Amino acid sequence: MNKNFRLGIIRETKTPPDKRVPITPAQVDAIHTQYPHVSVCVEPSAYRCFTNDEYKYLDVPLECNMETCDLLMGVKEVKIDALIPGKTYFFFAHVAKKQPHNRELLKAVLEKKITLIDYEYLTKPDGTRIVAFGRWAGIVGAYNALRARGNRTNNFKLKPAHECHDMEELFAGLRKITLKPIKILITGGGRVAGGAIETLSQLNLRRVTPKEYLTETFDEPVYCLIEPNHYVKRKDGQLFDMLHFINNPAEYESVFKPYTKATDIFIACHFWDNRSPHFIEKEDYLEPDFKITVIADISCDVPGPIHSTLRATTIENPFFGYNPSLSIEEPAFIRPTNITIMSVDNLPGELPRDASRDFGHDLFERVFPALFGDDGDGIIERATITKDGKLTPKFAYLQDYVDEKE
């Protein structure tokens, strides 16, 4: 690395603009202390959760000309016309799974000879991700599920998460509500599910086993967490094997349907491969004993394994109603027979200060030693999708996607 390295925090350009930042003002100060050869400047923004003045207070320079920087860091995708040719960027690109809506972005990155590093692919050698906003998606997604329940039943009201100053205020308001005896289901076993459980824990809900959940009734609200071995089975009748499922998801079939008949609120926190079985098909909603009234689809795969997730929703308008008879979207809460869908795809943006602080801490502890020092474990290399305008060997499979051959 050069003796003097200049890092720029760019303004978010995606519409609507995200309020999160990769590094907080206090963390910039820590970078200057830990890595004296690194200087940080910030592109001014009217939208950030940490204001321009908060950076200026700690003597972080505001700089409109990002061309002077060696590395540019943001959170969400950068608009094509804002990309500076020849630069190195760090952001969540959402291209490596061949997302159709970002094909033009990747083409532009290559044409402008940009080196693109994607946070999502910062991993340990065994493939474990080392930075993510997943916990915050789970925290806010579960809160939104409960808020939707309150709006449907008129039993309680919760303010929108983005109107809370931080997690402390969000949880304080949550602890004031009382749930009637209902069953809440969470799918998944990672950071997102952990965040959802953090939210539910504020209500001191009892966790029950999948067997208890499906076979028993309770005089109190309860929740259950299920992982793939509970909602899929092998078509050949062999015992479930997680590694086999990850590598061969098409060889499995869904056994999720019994949960649709026992669940009031479904909080979807799972990772889904498009070769995997679906959770809820179009016809499942029409069965007379289908019980789910609220689906908080934090995973938000569109189209995906939950048929009623017709689109991603927004922080400002997080809910819509799914009419199971017509299989169409309707305004939220207008018809009691509709299912309330929450499918916000940038949930951590509702608690941007907390989420940014957490994310920046992980960058500081797990990524910056490799970024500003020796990348002996290949952390940065594994996350580099393009280098100087060419796909790296790990991501060479994206060439047909770029060429629009698939």
Protein backbone atom coordinates (compact mmCIF):
# COMPACT_ATOMS: atom_id res chain seq x y z
CA MET A 1 0.00 0.00 0.00
CA ASN A 2 1.10 3.58 -0.67
CA LYS A 3 2.57 5.41 2.29
CA ASN A 4 -0.27 7.92 2.14
CA PHE A 5 -3.70 6.48 1.44
CA ARG A 6 -6.81 8.58 0.94
CA LEU A 7 -10.23 7.08 1.70
CA GLY A 8 -13.42 8.81 0.61
CA ILE A 9 -16.90 8.26 2.05
CA ILE A 10 -19.23 8.91 -0.87
CA ARG A 11 -22.74 10.32 -0.88
CA GLU A 12 -25.46 7.69 -1.41
CA THR A 13 -26.96 8.15 -4.87
CA LYS A 14 -29.54 5.36 -5.03
CA THR A 15 -33.19 6.49 -5.03
CA PRO A 16 -34.57 6.73 -2.43
CA PRO A 17 -31.24 7.62 -0.78
CA ASP A 18 -30.06 5.34 2.02
CA LYS A 19 -29.26 7.07 5.32
CA ARG A 20 -26.62 4.59 6.43
CA VAL A 21 -22.87 5.17 6.34
CA PRO A 22 -20.04 2.62 6.22
CA ILE A 23 -18.02 4.53 8.82
CA THR A 24 -19.30 6.85 11.56
CA PRO A 25 -17.55 10.10 12.56
CA ALA A 26 -16.09 8.50 15.70
CA GLN A 27 -14.80 5.56 13.66
CA VAL A 28 -13.07 7.93 11.24
CA ASP A 29 -11.27 9.37 14.23
CA ALA A 30 -10.24 5.85 15.26
CA ILE A 31 -8.88 5.16 11.76
CA HIS A 32 -6.65 8.22 11.96
CA THR A 33 -5.30 6.97 15.30
CA GLN A 34 -4.81 3.33 14.27
CA TYR A 35 -3.61 3.99 10.72
CA PRO A 36 -1.73 7.32 10.59
CA HIS A 37 -0.98 6.87 6.88
CA VAL A 38 -4.71 6.85 6.05
CA SER A 39 -6.64 10.08 5.66
CA VAL A 40 -10.43 10.14 5.32
CA CYS A 41 -12.66 12.71 3.67
CA VAL A 42 -16.44 12.75 3.37
CA GLU A 43 -18.58 13.83 0.44
CA PRO A 44 -21.28 16.15 1.84
CA SER A 45 -24.82 14.76 2.02
CA ALA A 46 -28.14 16.09 3.23
CA TYR A 47 -29.50 12.59 3.85
CA ARG A 48 -27.04 10.79 6.09
CA CYS A 49 -28.04 9.72 9.59
CA PHE A 50 -24.74 11.26 10.71
CA THR A 51 -24.78 14.86 9.56
CA ASN A 52 -22.05 16.83 7.83
CA ASP A 53 -21.63 18.80 11.06
CA GLU A 54 -21.01 15.62 13.07
CA TYR A 55 -18.07 14.79 10.80
CA LYS A 56 -16.81 18.38 10.81
CA TYR A 57 -16.92 18.46 14.62
CA LEU A 58 -14.28 15.72 14.67
CA ASP A 59 -12.21 17.52 12.04
CA VAL A 60 -13.12 15.16 9.22
CA PRO A 61 -12.81 17.20 6.01
CA LEU A 62 -15.84 17.51 3.74
CA GLU A 63 -14.73 17.10 0.15
CA CYS A 64 -16.85 17.31 -2.99
CA ASN A 65 -14.09 16.10 -5.30
CA MET A 66 -13.77 12.37 -4.70
CA GLU A 67 -11.31 11.97 -7.59
CA THR A 68 -8.45 12.66 -5.17
CA CYS A 69 -9.21 9.43 -3.22
CA ASP A 70 -7.60 6.03 -3.61
CA LEU A 71 -10.70 4.16 -2.41
CA LEU A 72 -14.35 5.20 -2.34
CA MET A 73 -16.72 3.60 0.18
CA GLY A 74 -20.50 3.72 0.18
CA VAL A 75 -23.32 1.42 1.25
CA LYS A 76 -25.75 0.80 -1.61
CA GLU A 77 -25.23 0.67 -5.38
CA VAL A 78 -23.76 3.80 -6.97
CA LYS A 79 -25.68 5.42 -9.81
CA ILE A 80 -23.97 4.83 -13.13
CA ASP A 81 -23.50 8.50 -13.93
CA ALA A 82 -21.87 9.03 -10.51
CA LEU A 83 -19.15 6.40 -11.05
CA ILE A 84 -15.67 7.87 -11.44
CA PRO A 85 -13.61 6.01 -14.08
CA GLY A 86 -10.53 4.15 -12.92
CA LYS A 87 -11.38 4.28 -9.21
CA THR A 88 -11.68 1.51 -6.62
CA TYR A 89 -15.11 1.23 -4.99
CA PHE A 90 -16.46 -0.59 -1.96
CA PHE A 91 -20.26 -1.06 -1.80
CA PHE A 92 -23.05 -3.64 -1.87
CA ALA A 93 -23.26 -4.12 -5.63
CA HIS A 94 -25.95 -6.82 -5.91
CA VAL A 95 -24.58 -8.12 -9.20
CA ALA A 96 -22.88 -11.40 -8.30
CA LYS A 97 -26.16 -13.34 -8.35
CA LYS A 98 -26.87 -11.96 -11.83
CA GLN A 99 -29.57 -9.59 -10.60
CA PRO A 100 -31.27 -8.31 -13.80
CA HIS A 101 -31.83 -4.79 -12.45
CA ASN A 102 -28.09 -4.23 -11.94
CA ARG A 103 -26.71 -5.65 -15.18
CA GLU A 104 -26.16 -2.15 -16.58
CA LEU A 105 -24.32 -1.17 -13.42
CA LEU A 106 -21.82 -4.00 -13.80
CA LYS A 107 -21.38 -3.21 -17.49
CA ALA A 108 -20.62 0.39 -16.59
CA VAL A 109 -18.13 -0.67 -13.90
CA LEU A 110 -16.26 -2.71 -16.50
CA GLU A 111 -16.42 -0.03 -19.18
CA LYS A 112 -15.08 2.59 -16.76
CA LYS A 113 -12.23 0.26 -15.71
CA ILE A 114 -13.31 0.33 -12.07
CA THR A 115 -12.12 -2.04 -9.36
CA LEU A 116 -15.22 -3.13 -7.45
CA ILE A 117 -15.07 -4.73 -4.00
CA ASP A 118 -18.36 -6.03 -2.61
CA TYR A 119 -18.98 -6.15 1.15
CA GLU A 120 -21.15 -9.23 0.70
CA TYR A 121 -18.14 -11.30 -0.34
CA LEU A 122 -15.81 -10.30 2.48
CA THR A 123 -15.34 -13.73 4.01
CA LYS A 124 -13.09 -15.91 6.08
CA PRO A 125 -11.28 -18.64 4.11
CA ASP A 126 -14.12 -21.06 4.95
CA GLY A 127 -16.67 -18.75 3.30
CA THR A 128 -18.19 -17.27 6.46
CA ARG A 129 -19.19 -13.64 5.95
CA ILE A 130 -17.43 -11.18 8.21
CA VAL A 131 -19.50 -8.00 7.79
CA ALA A 132 -23.24 -7.67 7.25
CA PHE A 133 -26.31 -5.67 8.15
CA GLY A 134 -28.34 -8.88 8.64
CA ARG A 135 -28.85 -8.52 12.38
CA TRP A 136 -30.48 -5.13 11.85
CA ALA A 137 -32.71 -6.44 9.08
CA GLY A 138 -33.95 -9.05 11.54
CA ILE A 139 -34.47 -6.56 14.37
CA VAL A 140 -36.48 -4.15 12.24
CA GLY A 141 -38.28 -6.81 10.20
CA ALA A 142 -39.66 -8.53 13.30
CA TYR A 143 -40.68 -5.14 14.71
CA ASN A 144 -42.53 -4.37 11.48
CA ALA A 145 -44.28 -7.74 11.69
CA LEU A 146 -45.59 -6.86 15.14
CA ARG A 147 -46.51 -3.37 13.98
CA ALA A 148 -48.53 -4.90 11.13
CA ARG A 149 -50.30 -7.17 13.61
CA GLY A 150 -51.23 -4.15 15.73
CA ASN A 151 -52.54 -2.28 12.70
CA ARG A 152 -54.63 -5.27 11.59
CA THR A 153 -56.22 -5.90 14.96
CA ASN A 154 -56.31 -2.36 16.38
CA ASN A 155 -55.14 -3.88 19.67
CA PHE A 156 -52.01 -1.70 19.83
CA LYS A 157 -50.07 0.87 17.83
CA LEU A 158 -46.34 1.02 17.24
CA LYS A 159 -44.65 4.01 15.65
CA PRO A 160 -42.72 3.33 12.43
CA ALA A 161 -39.21 2.12 13.16
CA HIS A 162 -37.64 4.92 11.12
CA GLU A 163 -39.34 7.47 13.40
CA CYS A 164 -37.53 6.00 16.41
CA HIS A 165 -34.25 7.71 17.25
CA ASP A 166 -32.50 4.41 17.78
CA MET A 167 -32.94 0.80 18.88
CA GLU A 168 -33.32 1.81 22.52
CA GLU A 169 -36.41 3.86 21.74
CA LEU A 170 -37.77 1.15 19.43
CA PHE A 171 -37.46 -1.54 22.10
CA ALA A 172 -38.86 0.72 24.82
CA GLY A 173 -42.03 1.27 22.81
CA LEU A 174 -42.27 -2.41 21.99
CA ARG A 175 -42.16 -3.42 25.66
CA LYS A 176 -45.37 -1.49 26.28
CA ILE A 177 -47.54 -3.69 24.05
CA THR A 178 -49.31 -6.92 24.95
CA LEU A 179 -49.89 -9.74 22.48
CA LYS A 180 -52.83 -12.09 22.63
CA PRO A 181 -52.08 -15.83 22.38
CA ILE A 182 -50.67 -16.20 18.88
CA LYS A 183 -47.99 -18.25 17.16
CA ILE A 184 -45.02 -16.59 15.47
CA LEU A 185 -42.77 -18.53 13.10
CA ILE A 186 -39.20 -17.61 12.10
CA THR A 187 -37.38 -19.38 9.26
CA GLY A 188 -33.58 -19.30 9.14
CA GLY A 189 -30.70 -19.68 11.53
CA GLY A 190 -28.24 -16.86 10.84
CA ARG A 191 -27.75 -13.22 11.75
CA VAL A 192 -31.15 -12.17 10.42
CA ALA A 193 -33.04 -14.72 12.49
CA GLY A 194 -30.93 -13.78 15.50
CA GLY A 195 -31.97 -10.16 15.07
CA ALA A 196 -35.64 -11.15 14.86
CA ILE A 197 -35.30 -13.11 18.10
CA GLU A 198 -33.71 -10.04 19.74
CA THR A 199 -36.87 -8.11 18.97
CA LEU A 200 -39.24 -10.83 20.16
CA SER A 201 -37.21 -11.20 23.36
CA GLN A 202 -38.35 -7.72 24.41
CA LEU A 203 -41.81 -9.25 24.93
CA ASN A 204 -40.47 -12.23 26.89
CA LEU A 205 -42.14 -14.65 24.50
CA ARG A 206 -41.69 -18.35 25.11
CA ARG A 207 -39.83 -20.31 22.45
CA VAL A 208 -41.33 -23.70 21.64
CA THR A 209 -40.05 -26.64 19.61
CA PRO A 210 -41.31 -27.31 16.07
CA LYS A 211 -43.23 -30.34 17.33
CA GLU A 212 -44.91 -28.36 20.11
CA TYR A 213 -45.64 -25.55 17.68
CA LEU A 214 -47.44 -27.82 15.24
CA THR A 215 -49.34 -29.99 17.70
CA GLU A 216 -50.17 -27.91 20.75
CA THR A 217 -52.24 -24.84 21.61
CA PHE A 218 -51.08 -22.22 24.10
CA ASP A 219 -52.72 -19.65 26.32
CA GLU A 220 -49.84 -17.23 25.71
CA PRO A 221 -48.01 -15.90 22.63
CA VAL A 222 -45.15 -18.16 21.55
CA TYR A 223 -42.58 -18.33 18.77
CA CYS A 224 -40.69 -21.08 16.98
CA LEU A 225 -37.52 -21.04 14.90
CA ILE A 226 -37.19 -23.60 12.11
CA GLU A 227 -34.19 -24.31 9.92
CA PRO A 228 -33.99 -26.19 6.59
CA ASN A 229 -34.22 -29.64 8.18
CA HIS A 230 -37.70 -28.67 9.37
CA TYR A 231 -39.09 -27.25 6.14
CA VAL A 232 -37.57 -29.44 3.40
CA LYS A 233 -36.92 -33.15 2.95
CA ARG A 234 -34.91 -35.19 0.46
CA LYS A 235 -36.86 -36.54 -2.48
CA ASP A 236 -34.97 -39.83 -2.30
CA GLY A 237 -36.01 -40.43 1.31
CA GLN A 238 -32.50 -40.17 2.74
CA LEU A 239 -31.83 -38.26 5.95
CA PHE A 240 -31.42 -34.50 5.72
CA ASP A 241 -27.84 -33.33 5.31
CA MET A 242 -27.15 -29.59 5.41
CA LEU A 243 -24.10 -29.65 3.16
CA HIS A 244 -25.94 -31.84 0.65
CA PHE A 245 -28.90 -29.43 0.71
CA ILE A 246 -26.66 -26.42 0.10
CA ASN A 247 -25.04 -28.11 -2.88
CA ASN A 248 -28.13 -29.89 -4.25
CA PRO A 249 -31.24 -27.89 -3.31
CA ALA A 250 -33.21 -29.16 -6.31
CA GLU A 251 -33.13 -32.66 -4.80
CA TYR A 252 -35.37 -31.53 -1.95
CA GLU A 253 -39.10 -30.85 -1.62
CA SER A 254 -41.01 -28.60 0.73
CA VAL A 255 -42.66 -29.85 3.93
CA PHE A 256 -43.58 -26.33 5.03
CA LYS A 257 -47.33 -26.55 4.49
CA PRO A 258 -48.25 -27.70 8.04
CA TYR A 259 -46.76 -24.46 9.37
CA THR A 260 -49.16 -22.40 7.24
CA LYS A 261 -51.99 -23.95 9.24
CA ALA A 262 -50.49 -23.21 12.66
CA THR A 263 -48.94 -19.75 12.20
CA ASP A 264 -50.35 -16.28 12.78
CA ILE A 265 -47.22 -14.25 11.97
CA PHE A 266 -44.53 -15.57 9.63
CA ILE A 267 -41.12 -13.83 9.79
CA ALA A 268 -39.00 -15.07 6.87
CA CYS A 269 -35.28 -14.78 7.65
CA HIS A 270 -33.94 -17.68 5.59
CA PHE A 271 -31.40 -17.71 2.79
CA TRP A 272 -33.02 -19.03 -0.37
CA ASP A 273 -31.43 -20.51 -3.48
CA ASN A 274 -33.60 -20.25 -6.59
CA ARG A 275 -33.21 -24.00 -7.07
CA SER A 276 -34.71 -24.67 -3.63
CA PRO A 277 -38.33 -25.65 -2.96
CA HIS A 278 -40.90 -22.93 -2.37
CA PHE A 279 -42.43 -22.21 1.02
CA ILE A 280 -45.93 -21.07 0.01
CA GLU A 281 -47.45 -21.59 -3.44
CA LYS A 282 -50.31 -19.58 -4.92
CA GLU A 283 -52.88 -22.28 -4.22
CA ASP A 284 -51.82 -22.75 -0.59
CA TYR A 285 -53.36 -19.42 0.42
CA LEU A 286 -56.77 -20.68 -0.72
CA GLU A 287 -56.91 -23.69 1.57
CA PRO A 288 -59.61 -23.19 4.23
CA ASP A 289 -57.27 -23.83 7.16
CA PHE A 290 -54.52 -21.45 5.95
CA LYS A 291 -53.98 -19.34 9.05
CA ILE A 292 -51.21 -16.80 8.40
CA THR A 293 -52.38 -13.18 8.52
CA VAL A 294 -49.01 -11.35 8.50
CA ILE A 295 -45.90 -12.24 6.47
CA ALA A 296 -42.77 -10.20 7.14
CA ASP A 297 -40.58 -11.34 4.27
CA ILE A 298 -37.19 -10.06 5.36
CA SER A 299 -35.46 -12.28 2.80
CA CYS A 300 -37.53 -10.56 0.09
CA ASP A 301 -36.82 -12.77 -2.91
CA VAL A 302 -38.90 -11.49 -5.85
CA PRO A 303 -40.17 -13.64 -7.43
CA GLY A 304 -39.34 -16.27 -4.89
CA PRO A 305 -40.46 -18.96 -2.50
CA ILE A 306 -43.29 -16.95 -0.91
CA HIS A 307 -45.83 -16.27 -3.63
CA SER A 308 -47.43 -13.26 -1.93
CA THR A 309 -44.16 -11.29 -1.99
CA LEU A 310 -45.14 -9.62 -5.22
CA ARG A 311 -42.64 -6.78 -4.89
CA ALA A 312 -40.29 -5.05 -2.49
CA THR A 313 -41.91 -2.34 -0.40
CA THR A 314 -40.36 0.84 0.98
CA ILE A 315 -39.56 2.21 4.42
CA GLU A 316 -42.18 4.91 3.93
CA ASN A 317 -44.86 2.43 2.78
CA PRO A 318 -43.86 -0.98 4.16
CA PHE A 319 -47.16 -2.87 3.91
CA PHE A 320 -49.60 -4.04 1.31
CA GLY A 321 -52.48 -6.48 1.32
CA TYR A 322 -52.36 -9.72 -0.65
CA ASN A 323 -55.79 -10.83 -1.86
CA PRO A 324 -55.55 -14.65 -1.97
CA SER A 325 -58.75 -15.07 -4.01
CA LEU A 326 -57.52 -12.83 -6.84
CA SER A 327 -53.79 -13.26 -6.25
CA ILE A 328 -53.29 -9.51 -6.47
CA GLU A 329 -51.95 -6.67 -4.37
CA GLU A 330 -54.39 -4.33 -2.64
CA PRO A 331 -53.89 -1.46 -0.18
CA ALA A 332 -52.91 -2.60 3.30
CA PHE A 333 -55.58 -3.25 5.93
CA ILE A 334 -58.66 -2.69 3.72
CA ARG A 335 -59.92 -6.27 3.80
CA PRO A 336 -59.70 -8.65 6.79
CA THR A 337 -59.40 -11.68 4.49
CA ASN A 338 -56.23 -10.27 2.92
CA ILE A 339 -52.80 -11.19 4.19
CA THR A 340 -50.59 -8.29 5.28
CA ILE A 341 -47.23 -8.36 3.52
CA MET A 342 -44.10 -6.51 4.68
CA SER A 343 -41.28 -6.79 2.15
CA VAL A 344 -38.96 -3.83 2.71
CA ASP A 345 -35.60 -4.68 1.15
CA ASN A 346 -33.44 -2.16 3.05
CA LEU A 347 -34.68 -2.67 6.60
CA PRO A 348 -31.43 -1.67 8.37
CA GLY A 349 -32.01 1.80 6.93
CA GLU A 350 -34.82 2.24 9.47
CA LEU A 351 -32.30 2.29 12.34
CA PRO A 352 -29.42 3.80 10.38
CA ARG A 353 -27.32 5.13 13.26
CA ASP A 354 -27.26 1.82 15.14
CA ALA A 355 -26.79 -0.24 11.98
CA SER A 356 -23.99 1.99 10.69
CA ARG A 357 -22.16 1.95 14.01
CA ASP A 358 -22.31 -1.86 14.15
CA PHE A 359 -21.22 -2.26 10.52
CA GLY A 360 -18.34 0.20 10.86
CA HIS A 361 -17.13 -1.58 13.97
CA ASP A 362 -16.96 -4.87 12.07
CA LEU A 363 -15.09 -3.19 9.22
CA PHE A 364 -12.61 -1.71 11.67
CA GLU A 365 -11.99 -5.00 13.50
CA ARG A 366 -12.15 -7.51 10.63
CA VAL A 367 -11.46 -5.76 7.33
CA PHE A 368 -9.30 -2.68 7.80
CA PRO A 369 -6.23 -4.67 8.98
CA ALA A 370 -6.27 -6.38 5.56
CA LEU A 371 -7.29 -3.26 3.64
CA PHE A 372 -4.72 -0.93 5.17
CA GLY A 373 -2.06 -3.54 5.89
CA ASP A 374 -1.34 -7.10 4.80
CA ASP A 375 -4.13 -9.09 3.12
CA GLY A 376 -2.42 -12.40 3.77
CA ASP A 377 -5.73 -14.26 4.13
CA GLY A 378 -7.09 -12.89 0.85
CA ILE A 379 -10.07 -11.14 2.44
CA ILE A 380 -10.04 -8.23 0.01
CA GLU A 381 -9.08 -10.40 -2.94
CA ARG A 382 -12.06 -12.75 -2.43
CA ALA A 383 -14.47 -9.80 -2.42
CA THR A 384 -13.09 -8.15 -5.56
CA ILE A 385 -15.55 -8.65 -8.42
CA THR A 386 -13.76 -6.52 -11.01
CA LYS A 387 -10.19 -5.27 -11.16
CA ASP A 388 -9.18 -2.48 -13.49
CA GLY A 389 -12.28 -3.07 -15.57
CA LYS A 390 -12.07 -6.86 -15.88
CA LEU A 391 -13.91 -9.62 -14.04
CA THR A 392 -11.65 -11.41 -11.58
CA PRO A 393 -11.28 -15.20 -11.98
CA LYS A 394 -13.66 -15.94 -9.10
CA PHE A 395 -16.42 -13.91 -10.76
CA ALA A 396 -15.65 -14.80 -14.39
CA TYR A 397 -18.98 -16.68 -14.50
CA LEU A 398 -20.67 -13.27 -14.75
CA GLN A 399 -19.40 -12.72 -18.31
CA ASP A 400 -22.53 -14.17 -19.97
CA TYR A 401 -24.66 -12.02 -17.65
CA VAL A 402 -22.68 -8.96 -18.74
CA ASP A 403 -22.99 -9.98 -22.42
CA GLU A 404 -26.76 -10.49 -22.00
CA LYS A 405 -26.48 -14.11 -23.11
CA GLU A 406 -28.54 -15.21 -20.13
